[in-house]
């Protein structure tokens, strides 16, 4: 087994057993042990795992909002705290939305939850300097 497959298995293990792969927490850590390129590679592996799970016929059907949510979070480099504030949910819920559909921790995101998050995200992106929590006030 190559290192790429080993890393994919480990990331999947984390998602299935803990509910998060913690890749998005790396840039916020006190010490940076990984370069932006390393992080990009880890994100790529996590995306492959997610795509494979979405294509799995045994996976539950409503994962499109979770996938779109994950894409937006990754695209805008949101940490879990910011994503949770924008979604007006706690971080544990956001982590469950981001986990693999194969995980027992997986929580399907509803249309209303996604639309609310998306609207908050766009408002936040258009108002520089505002914290995500201020938009809901």
Foldseek 3Di string as FASTA:
>chain_A
DDPLVVLLVVQLCCCQPVLASCLLVQVVDPDHPDDPVRSVSSVVSLVVQQVVLQPPPPFDPQLPLLVVLLVVCVVVSPDLVQLCLLLVHDSLLNSLSNGHSVHPSHDRDDPVSSVSSVVLVVVDVVDPPDRSNVVVD
